[in-house]
Each structure stands twice: as structure tokens, then as C-alpha cells.
Amino acid sequence: MVYRFKLVSDEVSNFSREIEIDSESTFLQLRNAILDSVDYSKDDMDSFFLCDDEWERREEITLVEMDSSSDYDIWLMEDTPIDELVEDEGQKMVFVFDYLTERSFFMELKEIIPGRSLSEPVCTLKRGKAPTQKVDMDEFDKKIDEAAMKQAADVLDEDFYTDGTDGYNPEDIADYDEFNYN
């Protein structure tokens, strides 16, 4: 049986990939097919997450085992066939390719093709240019700071602490007489 996955990015609107892979292939083979399709290095840590219909992350399938004392099942890409965890069309997953900044591809099992098999995964559709694999951390920090400043400005308008005058409005301060500080 062959699975056809579609990948999209929230960073690049016209980007998508379709990967066909045998259902008995491992998540490691799927990972490598994805990375090859976008010309990314295979030197970095990454993970798959199975998601519910609202894209909430559930089970993680990791490249390497990092916490052997976990109370949860640990799924390793190399040891886990895709069809062990993915069985239904419409199954959503996230492939985190940049742990530091949580950048990822959103994936969905678009089609299950019975009666076919593939010895190697194949990218059947390439649309658009993939986002860069790694971001400049100074640039990333700058964007985070800008977003935080904008959010703060939206929340804390000029009259937040005052009545519009140069000083504070005593009526805006809670009545501290109810507290006994002695």
C-alpha cells in the first residue's frame, strides 16, 4: 500500500510537496524523503508529531531517543513503520525541522493507494521554494522583539495607567485600606 502525503508551510504561501511512500516504510525514510525534496541537510534534530484534527500535537516520533526515563512510549523514526501509527486518510502530522525556532511543515495523509508498493519514496509534486532550513538568530530575535513590542503597544495604550493627564489617577489604584500591613 502507498501513502501520499502533502506538505505545506506557514512561512511560504505557495510552497507544497507531495511525497509517495510505501506504508511499511519507516518514519526515517519519510524524513529523508522530505529533507531531500527541499534540499535540507540531514545533520539536524527533527521530529514528527501526530496531530488531532485541530493540529494539536500528540505522539512524537523522534530521530534519537533523548529521555529513556519517560513514562510515555518513545517512538524512534528508524524503528517505527509509518502504518503502525498512521492508518487513515486525513491524518494530520507536523514535521519539526528546526527545533530551536519550532519551524515546521504541516502534513496530511491525502490518499491511501492500495495494491501498490514502492521500494523508495518519491516526491511527486514540487511547488514553490521551501523556506530556508535555518534562520539567522539575530534576525529571528529581532522579529520576536518587534512582535512583542507591537503586542505590548496594542495592549498598553497611552491611557492605560492614567486618565490622560500627566500623573496617575488615584481612583485607578486599588483601595489598600482593606489590607492590614501592620
N, C-alpha and C. Protein backbone atom coordinates (compact mmCIF):
# COMPACT_ATOMS: atom_id res chain seq x y z
N MET A 1 0.85 -1.16 0.00
CA MET A 1 0.00 0.00 0.00
C MET A 1 0.90 1.24 0.00
N VAL A 2 0.49 2.27 -0.72
CA VAL A 2 1.26 3.51 -0.81
C VAL A 2 0.49 4.64 -0.15
N TYR A 3 1.20 5.44 0.61
CA TYR A 3 0.63 6.64 1.22
C TYR A 3 1.10 7.86 0.44
N ARG A 4 0.18 8.79 0.19
CA ARG A 4 0.55 10.07 -0.43
C ARG A 4 0.32 11.17 0.61
N PHE A 5 1.44 11.80 1.01
CA PHE A 5 1.40 12.89 1.99
C PHE A 5 1.56 14.22 1.27
N LYS A 6 0.82 15.22 1.72
CA LYS A 6 1.00 16.58 1.24
C LYS A 6 1.61 17.40 2.37
N LEU A 7 2.63 18.22 2.03
CA LEU A 7 3.30 19.09 2.99
C LEU A 7 3.08 20.54 2.59
N VAL A 8 2.83 21.39 3.56
CA VAL A 8 2.75 22.83 3.33
C VAL A 8 3.51 23.53 4.46
N SER A 9 3.74 24.82 4.25
CA SER A 9 4.47 25.63 5.23
C SER A 9 3.65 26.86 5.56
N ASP A 10 3.69 27.29 6.82
CA ASP A 10 3.03 28.54 7.18
C ASP A 10 3.93 29.75 6.90
N GLU A 11 5.14 29.51 6.43
CA GLU A 11 6.08 30.59 6.12
C GLU A 11 6.04 31.02 4.65
N VAL A 12 5.76 30.07 3.76
CA VAL A 12 5.79 30.33 2.32
C VAL A 12 4.45 29.87 1.75
N SER A 13 3.65 30.82 1.28
CA SER A 13 2.28 30.50 0.88
C SER A 13 2.19 29.60 -0.34
N ASN A 14 3.10 29.69 -1.27
CA ASN A 14 2.99 28.88 -2.49
C ASN A 14 3.82 27.59 -2.44
N PHE A 15 4.30 27.22 -1.26
CA PHE A 15 5.11 26.02 -1.11
C PHE A 15 4.22 24.81 -0.84
N SER A 16 4.49 23.72 -1.53
CA SER A 16 3.91 22.42 -1.18
C SER A 16 4.75 21.31 -1.80
N ARG A 17 4.67 20.18 -1.18
CA ARG A 17 5.31 18.97 -1.69
C ARG A 17 4.34 17.83 -1.49
N GLU A 18 4.41 16.85 -2.40
CA GLU A 18 3.70 15.60 -2.21
C GLU A 18 4.73 14.48 -2.25
N ILE A 19 4.66 13.65 -1.25
CA ILE A 19 5.58 12.52 -1.12
C ILE A 19 4.75 11.24 -1.15
N GLU A 20 5.12 10.31 -2.03
CA GLU A 20 4.53 8.98 -2.02
C GLU A 20 5.55 8.04 -1.41
N ILE A 21 5.05 7.19 -0.49
CA ILE A 21 5.93 6.29 0.23
C ILE A 21 5.16 5.02 0.57
N ASP A 22 5.86 3.91 0.58
CA ASP A 22 5.23 2.66 0.96
C ASP A 22 4.80 2.75 2.43
N SER A 23 3.61 2.26 2.73
CA SER A 23 3.07 2.36 4.09
C SER A 23 3.91 1.62 5.12
N GLU A 24 4.68 0.64 4.68
CA GLU A 24 5.53 -0.13 5.60
C GLU A 24 6.92 0.50 5.77
N SER A 25 7.19 1.58 5.07
CA SER A 25 8.46 2.31 5.25
C SER A 25 8.48 2.93 6.63
N THR A 26 9.67 3.28 7.07
CA THR A 26 9.80 3.89 8.40
C THR A 26 9.66 5.41 8.33
N PHE A 27 9.44 5.99 9.49
CA PHE A 27 9.41 7.44 9.57
C PHE A 27 10.76 8.05 9.19
N LEU A 28 11.84 7.30 9.41
CA LEU A 28 13.16 7.79 8.99
C LEU A 28 13.22 7.93 7.47
N GLN A 29 12.67 6.97 6.75
CA GLN A 29 12.64 7.06 5.29
C GLN A 29 11.76 8.24 4.84
N LEU A 30 10.66 8.46 5.53
CA LEU A 30 9.80 9.62 5.21
C LEU A 30 10.55 10.91 5.49
N ARG A 31 11.23 10.98 6.61
CA ARG A 31 12.03 12.16 6.96
C ARG A 31 13.05 12.46 5.86
N ASN A 32 13.79 11.43 5.46
CA ASN A 32 14.82 11.64 4.45
C ASN A 32 14.23 12.07 3.11
N ALA A 33 13.07 11.52 2.75
CA ALA A 33 12.41 11.92 1.51
C ALA A 33 11.99 13.39 1.57
N ILE A 34 11.49 13.82 2.72
CA ILE A 34 11.10 15.22 2.90
C ILE A 34 12.32 16.13 2.78
N LEU A 35 13.36 15.80 3.52
CA LEU A 35 14.57 16.63 3.50
C LEU A 35 15.19 16.69 2.11
N ASP A 36 15.18 15.58 1.39
CA ASP A 36 15.70 15.57 0.02
C ASP A 36 14.84 16.45 -0.89
N SER A 37 13.53 16.43 -0.69
CA SER A 37 12.63 17.19 -1.56
C SER A 37 12.79 18.70 -1.40
N VAL A 38 13.33 19.12 -0.27
CA VAL A 38 13.51 20.56 -0.02
C VAL A 38 14.99 20.95 0.04
N ASP A 39 15.87 20.01 -0.27
CA ASP A 39 17.32 20.25 -0.27
C ASP A 39 17.85 20.71 1.09
N TYR A 40 17.36 20.09 2.15
CA TYR A 40 17.85 20.39 3.50
C TYR A 40 18.90 19.37 3.90
N SER A 41 19.79 19.80 4.78
CA SER A 41 20.78 18.91 5.37
C SER A 41 20.09 17.91 6.30
N LYS A 42 20.69 16.77 6.47
CA LYS A 42 20.15 15.75 7.38
C LYS A 42 20.93 15.71 8.69
N ASP A 43 21.63 16.80 8.99
CA ASP A 43 22.50 16.84 10.17
C ASP A 43 21.82 17.32 11.44
N ASP A 44 20.60 17.83 11.33
CA ASP A 44 19.95 18.44 12.48
C ASP A 44 18.90 17.53 13.09
N MET A 45 18.56 17.81 14.33
CA MET A 45 17.49 17.10 15.03
C MET A 45 16.15 17.54 14.45
N ASP A 46 15.26 16.58 14.33
CA ASP A 46 13.91 16.90 13.91
C ASP A 46 12.98 15.81 14.43
N SER A 47 11.69 16.06 14.35
CA SER A 47 10.70 15.11 14.86
C SER A 47 9.41 15.23 14.08
N PHE A 48 8.67 14.14 14.08
CA PHE A 48 7.29 14.14 13.62
C PHE A 48 6.39 14.18 14.85
N PHE A 49 5.23 14.81 14.70
CA PHE A 49 4.20 14.76 15.72
C PHE A 49 2.90 14.37 15.05
N LEU A 50 2.25 13.33 15.56
CA LEU A 50 0.90 13.03 15.12
C LEU A 50 -0.01 14.07 15.74
N CYS A 51 -0.98 14.55 14.98
CA CYS A 51 -1.86 15.62 15.45
C CYS A 51 -3.32 15.19 15.35
N ASP A 52 -4.14 15.87 16.16
CA ASP A 52 -5.57 15.67 16.02
C ASP A 52 -6.09 16.60 14.92
N ASP A 53 -7.39 16.65 14.75
CA ASP A 53 -7.97 17.45 13.66
C ASP A 53 -7.74 18.95 13.81
N GLU A 54 -7.43 19.40 15.01
CA GLU A 54 -7.15 20.83 15.26
C GLU A 54 -5.66 21.12 15.30
N TRP A 55 -4.83 20.21 14.84
CA TRP A 55 -3.38 20.32 14.78
C TRP A 55 -2.72 20.32 16.16
N GLU A 56 -3.42 19.85 17.18
CA GLU A 56 -2.81 19.70 18.49
C GLU A 56 -1.86 18.50 18.44
N ARG A 57 -0.64 18.71 18.89
CA ARG A 57 0.37 17.65 18.83
C ARG A 57 0.09 16.57 19.86
N ARG A 58 0.26 15.34 19.42
CA ARG A 58 0.06 14.17 20.28
C ARG A 58 1.36 13.40 20.37
N GLU A 59 1.41 12.21 19.81
CA GLU A 59 2.61 11.37 19.88
C GLU A 59 3.75 11.99 19.08
N GLU A 60 4.94 11.87 19.63
CA GLU A 60 6.15 12.34 18.95
C GLU A 60 6.95 11.15 18.45
N ILE A 61 7.45 11.28 17.24
CA ILE A 61 8.34 10.27 16.66
C ILE A 61 9.68 10.98 16.47
N THR A 62 10.69 10.57 17.24
CA THR A 62 11.95 11.30 17.28
C THR A 62 13.05 10.61 16.47
N LEU A 63 14.03 11.40 16.13
CA LEU A 63 15.19 10.87 15.41
C LEU A 63 16.06 10.03 16.33
N VAL A 64 16.28 10.51 17.54
CA VAL A 64 17.07 9.78 18.54
C VAL A 64 16.36 9.83 19.88
N GLU A 65 16.58 8.82 20.67
CA GLU A 65 15.99 8.76 22.00
C GLU A 65 16.72 9.75 22.91
N MET A 66 15.95 10.62 23.54
CA MET A 66 16.58 11.62 24.39
C MET A 66 16.27 11.43 25.86
N ASP A 67 15.13 10.81 26.19
CA ASP A 67 14.76 10.65 27.58
C ASP A 67 14.25 9.23 27.79
N SER A 68 15.14 8.37 28.24
CA SER A 68 14.78 6.96 28.41
C SER A 68 13.96 6.73 29.67
N SER A 69 13.84 7.73 30.53
CA SER A 69 13.08 7.56 31.77
C SER A 69 11.64 8.04 31.63
N SER A 70 11.21 8.33 30.43
CA SER A 70 9.88 8.87 30.20
C SER A 70 8.80 7.84 30.51
N ASP A 71 7.66 8.33 31.00
CA ASP A 71 6.50 7.48 31.26
C ASP A 71 5.71 7.21 29.98
N TYR A 72 6.06 7.89 28.91
CA TYR A 72 5.35 7.77 27.65
C TYR A 72 6.12 6.85 26.71
N ASP A 73 5.38 6.29 25.76
CA ASP A 73 6.04 5.50 24.72
C ASP A 73 6.97 6.40 23.93
N ILE A 74 8.13 5.86 23.60
CA ILE A 74 9.09 6.60 22.78
C ILE A 74 9.11 5.93 21.41
N TRP A 75 8.80 6.72 20.41
CA TRP A 75 8.78 6.22 19.04
C TRP A 75 10.01 6.76 18.34
N LEU A 76 10.83 5.88 17.81
CA LEU A 76 12.02 6.28 17.06
C LEU A 76 11.74 6.13 15.57
N MET A 77 12.15 7.12 14.80
CA MET A 77 11.92 7.10 13.36
C MET A 77 12.45 5.83 12.71
N GLU A 78 13.64 5.44 13.10
CA GLU A 78 14.31 4.31 12.48
C GLU A 78 13.57 2.99 12.71
N ASP A 79 12.89 2.89 13.85
CA ASP A 79 12.25 1.64 14.25
C ASP A 79 10.74 1.59 14.02
N THR A 80 10.15 2.69 13.58
CA THR A 80 8.69 2.77 13.52
C THR A 80 8.18 2.83 12.09
N PRO A 81 7.49 1.78 11.65
CA PRO A 81 6.86 1.84 10.33
C PRO A 81 5.72 2.87 10.35
N ILE A 82 5.55 3.56 9.26
CA ILE A 82 4.53 4.61 9.20
C ILE A 82 3.14 4.03 9.49
N ASP A 83 2.83 2.86 8.91
CA ASP A 83 1.48 2.31 9.08
C ASP A 83 1.20 1.81 10.50
N GLU A 84 2.21 1.82 11.36
CA GLU A 84 1.98 1.47 12.75
C GLU A 84 1.23 2.59 13.48
N LEU A 85 1.45 3.84 13.04
CA LEU A 85 0.82 4.98 13.70
C LEU A 85 -0.14 5.76 12.81
N VAL A 86 -0.02 5.59 11.50
CA VAL A 86 -0.87 6.32 10.55
C VAL A 86 -1.67 5.31 9.75
N GLU A 87 -3.00 5.39 9.86
CA GLU A 87 -3.84 4.40 9.19
C GLU A 87 -4.92 5.02 8.33
N ASP A 88 -5.30 6.27 8.58
CA ASP A 88 -6.48 6.85 7.94
C ASP A 88 -6.14 8.06 7.08
N GLU A 89 -6.80 8.14 5.93
CA GLU A 89 -6.69 9.35 5.12
C GLU A 89 -7.15 10.53 5.97
N GLY A 90 -6.49 11.65 5.78
CA GLY A 90 -6.81 12.84 6.56
C GLY A 90 -5.98 12.97 7.83
N GLN A 91 -5.21 11.95 8.18
CA GLN A 91 -4.35 12.03 9.37
C GLN A 91 -3.42 13.22 9.24
N LYS A 92 -3.35 14.05 10.26
CA LYS A 92 -2.50 15.23 10.26
C LYS A 92 -1.25 14.96 11.08
N MET A 93 -0.14 15.54 10.60
CA MET A 93 1.13 15.46 11.30
C MET A 93 1.86 16.78 11.13
N VAL A 94 2.81 17.00 12.02
CA VAL A 94 3.73 18.13 11.91
C VAL A 94 5.13 17.56 11.88
N PHE A 95 5.94 18.06 10.96
CA PHE A 95 7.35 17.69 10.90
C PHE A 95 8.15 18.92 11.30
N VAL A 96 8.71 18.88 12.51
CA VAL A 96 9.51 20.00 13.01
C VAL A 96 10.93 19.81 12.51
N PHE A 97 11.36 20.71 11.63
CA PHE A 97 12.70 20.60 11.05
C PHE A 97 13.69 21.54 11.70
N ASP A 98 13.22 22.47 12.53
CA ASP A 98 14.10 23.41 13.22
C ASP A 98 13.62 23.53 14.67
N TYR A 99 14.22 22.73 15.54
CA TYR A 99 13.80 22.69 16.95
C TYR A 99 13.97 24.03 17.65
N LEU A 100 15.03 24.73 17.34
CA LEU A 100 15.34 25.97 18.04
C LEU A 100 14.24 27.01 17.88
N THR A 101 13.67 27.09 16.69
CA THR A 101 12.64 28.10 16.43
C THR A 101 11.27 27.49 16.19
N GLU A 102 11.15 26.16 16.36
CA GLU A 102 9.88 25.45 16.20
C GLU A 102 9.29 25.58 14.79
N ARG A 103 10.15 25.71 13.80
CA ARG A 103 9.68 25.81 12.42
C ARG A 103 9.36 24.42 11.91
N SER A 104 8.30 24.33 11.11
CA SER A 104 7.83 23.01 10.73
C SER A 104 7.04 23.02 9.44
N PHE A 105 6.79 21.81 8.95
CA PHE A 105 5.88 21.58 7.84
C PHE A 105 4.63 20.93 8.40
N PHE A 106 3.49 21.32 7.86
CA PHE A 106 2.23 20.70 8.20
C PHE A 106 1.96 19.64 7.14
N MET A 107 1.59 18.45 7.59
CA MET A 107 1.43 17.31 6.68
C MET A 107 0.05 16.69 6.86
N GLU A 108 -0.43 16.13 5.76
CA GLU A 108 -1.68 15.39 5.83
C GLU A 108 -1.59 14.19 4.90
N LEU A 109 -2.11 13.05 5.36
CA LEU A 109 -2.19 11.87 4.51
C LEU A 109 -3.37 12.10 3.57
N LYS A 110 -3.07 12.43 2.33
CA LYS A 110 -4.11 12.79 1.36
C LYS A 110 -4.76 11.58 0.71
N GLU A 111 -3.97 10.50 0.53
CA GLU A 111 -4.52 9.36 -0.18
C GLU A 111 -3.79 8.09 0.22
N ILE A 112 -4.57 7.03 0.34
CA ILE A 112 -4.02 5.68 0.52
C ILE A 112 -4.29 4.94 -0.79
N ILE A 113 -3.22 4.43 -1.39
CA ILE A 113 -3.33 3.76 -2.69
C ILE A 113 -3.08 2.27 -2.47
N PRO A 114 -4.17 1.47 -2.41
CA PRO A 114 -4.00 0.02 -2.19
C PRO A 114 -3.48 -0.67 -3.45
N GLY A 115 -2.88 -1.82 -3.26
CA GLY A 115 -2.42 -2.63 -4.38
C GLY A 115 -1.13 -2.14 -5.03
N ARG A 116 -0.52 -1.10 -4.49
CA ARG A 116 0.76 -0.61 -5.00
C ARG A 116 1.80 -0.70 -3.90
N SER A 117 3.04 -0.75 -4.31
CA SER A 117 4.14 -0.69 -3.35
C SER A 117 5.27 0.10 -3.99
N LEU A 118 6.11 0.65 -3.15
CA LEU A 118 7.27 1.41 -3.61
C LEU A 118 8.49 0.94 -2.84
N SER A 119 9.59 0.76 -3.56
CA SER A 119 10.82 0.37 -2.88
C SER A 119 11.49 1.60 -2.26
N GLU A 120 11.30 2.76 -2.86
CA GLU A 120 11.87 4.02 -2.36
C GLU A 120 10.79 5.09 -2.42
N PRO A 121 10.79 6.01 -1.46
CA PRO A 121 9.84 7.12 -1.52
C PRO A 121 10.15 8.02 -2.70
N VAL A 122 9.12 8.72 -3.19
CA VAL A 122 9.32 9.62 -4.31
C VAL A 122 8.51 10.90 -4.08
N CYS A 123 9.13 12.01 -4.44
CA CYS A 123 8.44 13.30 -4.39
C CYS A 123 7.71 13.45 -5.73
N THR A 124 6.39 13.48 -5.71
CA THR A 124 5.60 13.51 -6.94
C THR A 124 5.16 14.92 -7.32
N LEU A 125 5.31 15.88 -6.41
CA LEU A 125 4.92 17.26 -6.70
C LEU A 125 5.81 18.21 -5.93
N LYS A 126 6.40 19.15 -6.63
CA LYS A 126 7.19 20.22 -6.02
C LYS A 126 6.59 21.54 -6.49
N ARG A 127 6.08 22.31 -5.54
CA ARG A 127 5.52 23.61 -5.87
C ARG A 127 6.13 24.65 -4.93
N GLY A 128 6.69 25.68 -5.50
CA GLY A 128 7.26 26.76 -4.71
C GLY A 128 8.60 26.40 -4.10
N LYS A 129 9.23 27.43 -3.56
CA LYS A 129 10.53 27.26 -2.92
C LYS A 129 10.33 27.05 -1.42
N ALA A 130 11.04 26.08 -0.88
CA ALA A 130 10.94 25.79 0.56
C ALA A 130 11.52 26.94 1.38
N PRO A 131 11.00 27.13 2.59
CA PRO A 131 11.63 28.11 3.47
C PRO A 131 13.07 27.68 3.78
N THR A 132 13.90 28.63 4.13
CA THR A 132 15.28 28.28 4.47
C THR A 132 15.28 27.34 5.66
N GLN A 133 16.25 26.44 5.68
CA GLN A 133 16.29 25.45 6.75
C GLN A 133 16.60 26.09 8.10
N LYS A 134 17.52 27.01 8.10
CA LYS A 134 17.91 27.68 9.35
C LYS A 134 17.74 29.18 9.18
N VAL A 135 17.30 29.80 10.24
CA VAL A 135 17.16 31.25 10.20
C VAL A 135 18.32 31.89 10.94
N ASP A 136 18.64 33.10 10.54
CA ASP A 136 19.64 33.89 11.26
C ASP A 136 19.05 34.24 12.62
N MET A 137 19.70 33.81 13.69
CA MET A 137 19.14 34.01 15.03
C MET A 137 19.00 35.48 15.41
N ASP A 138 19.90 36.34 14.94
CA ASP A 138 19.75 37.77 15.22
C ASP A 138 18.48 38.30 14.56
N GLU A 139 18.25 37.88 13.32
CA GLU A 139 17.04 38.28 12.60
C GLU A 139 15.79 37.71 13.28
N PHE A 140 15.87 36.46 13.72
CA PHE A 140 14.75 35.83 14.41
C PHE A 140 14.42 36.57 15.70
N ASP A 141 15.46 36.88 16.50
CA ASP A 141 15.25 37.62 17.75
C ASP A 141 14.65 38.99 17.48
N LYS A 142 15.09 39.64 16.41
CA LYS A 142 14.56 40.95 16.05
C LYS A 142 13.07 40.86 15.73
N LYS A 143 12.67 39.83 14.98
CA LYS A 143 11.25 39.65 14.64
C LYS A 143 10.43 39.37 15.88
N ILE A 144 10.96 38.56 16.79
CA ILE A 144 10.26 38.26 18.03
C ILE A 144 10.09 39.54 18.85
N ASP A 145 11.17 40.33 18.96
CA ASP A 145 11.11 41.58 19.71
C ASP A 145 10.10 42.55 19.09
N GLU A 146 10.10 42.65 17.76
CA GLU A 146 9.14 43.53 17.08
C GLU A 146 7.71 43.09 17.33
N ALA A 147 7.47 41.79 17.27
CA ALA A 147 6.13 41.28 17.51
C ALA A 147 5.70 41.54 18.96
N ALA A 148 6.62 41.36 19.90
CA ALA A 148 6.30 41.61 21.31
C ALA A 148 6.03 43.09 21.55
N MET A 149 6.80 43.96 20.94
CA MET A 149 6.59 45.40 21.10
C MET A 149 5.24 45.81 20.52
N LYS A 150 4.89 45.27 19.37
CA LYS A 150 3.60 45.60 18.75
C LYS A 150 2.46 45.12 19.63
N GLN A 151 2.59 43.92 20.16
CA GLN A 151 1.55 43.39 21.02
C GLN A 151 1.43 44.23 22.29
N ALA A 152 2.56 44.62 22.87
CA ALA A 152 2.53 45.46 24.06
C ALA A 152 1.90 46.81 23.76
N ALA A 153 2.22 47.39 22.62
CA ALA A 153 1.66 48.68 22.24
C ALA A 153 0.15 48.58 22.05
N ASP A 154 -0.31 47.48 21.51
CA ASP A 154 -1.75 47.29 21.33
C ASP A 154 -2.47 47.18 22.65
N VAL A 155 -1.84 46.53 23.63
CA VAL A 155 -2.46 46.32 24.93
C VAL A 155 -2.32 47.56 25.82
N LEU A 156 -1.14 48.14 25.82
CA LEU A 156 -0.86 49.26 26.71
C LEU A 156 -0.94 50.58 25.95
N ASP A 157 -2.15 51.03 25.69
CA ASP A 157 -2.24 52.32 25.01
C ASP A 157 -1.90 53.44 25.99
N GLU A 158 -1.86 54.65 25.52
CA GLU A 158 -1.35 55.76 26.34
C GLU A 158 -2.19 56.05 27.56
N ASP A 159 -3.45 55.65 27.61
CA ASP A 159 -4.31 55.94 28.76
C ASP A 159 -4.45 54.75 29.70
N PHE A 160 -3.63 53.73 29.54
CA PHE A 160 -3.78 52.52 30.34
C PHE A 160 -3.63 52.80 31.84
N TYR A 161 -2.60 53.55 32.22
CA TYR A 161 -2.35 53.80 33.63
C TYR A 161 -2.89 55.14 34.10
N THR A 162 -3.33 55.97 33.23
CA THR A 162 -3.72 57.32 33.64
C THR A 162 -5.07 57.68 33.06
N ASP A 163 -5.55 58.84 33.50
CA ASP A 163 -6.81 59.36 32.96
C ASP A 163 -6.53 60.30 31.79
N GLY A 164 -5.32 60.25 31.25
CA GLY A 164 -4.95 61.09 30.13
C GLY A 164 -4.16 62.31 30.55
N THR A 165 -4.05 62.53 31.87
CA THR A 165 -3.26 63.66 32.36
C THR A 165 -1.83 63.20 32.53
N ASP A 166 -1.00 64.09 33.07
CA ASP A 166 0.40 63.75 33.23
C ASP A 166 0.67 62.83 34.42
N GLY A 167 -0.24 62.70 35.35
CA GLY A 167 0.00 61.88 36.53
C GLY A 167 -0.92 60.69 36.56
N TYR A 168 -0.81 59.92 37.63
CA TYR A 168 -1.71 58.77 37.75
C TYR A 168 -3.01 59.23 38.36
N ASN A 169 -4.05 58.48 38.16
CA ASN A 169 -5.35 58.77 38.70
C ASN A 169 -5.52 57.93 39.95
N PRO A 170 -5.63 58.54 41.12
CA PRO A 170 -5.74 57.78 42.36
C PRO A 170 -6.94 56.84 42.37
N GLU A 171 -7.97 57.14 41.65
CA GLU A 171 -9.14 56.26 41.60
C GLU A 171 -8.84 54.96 40.87
N ASP A 172 -7.77 54.95 40.04
CA ASP A 172 -7.40 53.74 39.33
C ASP A 172 -6.63 52.76 40.22
N ILE A 173 -6.15 53.25 41.34
CA ILE A 173 -5.38 52.41 42.24
C ILE A 173 -6.33 51.72 43.21
N ALA A 174 -6.12 50.43 43.45
CA ALA A 174 -6.98 49.68 44.37
C ALA A 174 -6.94 50.29 45.75
N ASP A 175 -8.04 50.17 46.46
CA ASP A 175 -8.15 50.69 47.82
C ASP A 175 -7.35 49.76 48.74
N TYR A 176 -6.20 50.25 49.20
CA TYR A 176 -5.32 49.42 50.02
C TYR A 176 -5.72 49.42 51.49
N ASP A 177 -6.70 50.21 51.86
CA ASP A 177 -7.12 50.25 53.27
C ASP A 177 -7.67 48.91 53.73
N GLU A 178 -8.15 48.08 52.79
CA GLU A 178 -8.70 46.80 53.18
C GLU A 178 -7.62 45.83 53.63
N PHE A 179 -6.36 46.14 53.32
CA PHE A 179 -5.26 45.27 53.73
C PHE A 179 -4.64 45.82 55.01
N ASN A 180 -4.30 44.97 55.91
CA ASN A 180 -3.65 45.38 57.14
C ASN A 180 -2.17 45.06 57.03
N TYR A 181 -1.37 46.10 56.84
CA TYR A 181 0.07 45.91 56.68
C TYR A 181 0.84 46.06 57.98
N ASN A 182 0.17 46.27 59.07
CA ASN A 182 0.86 46.48 60.34
C ASN A 182 1.20 45.21 61.03
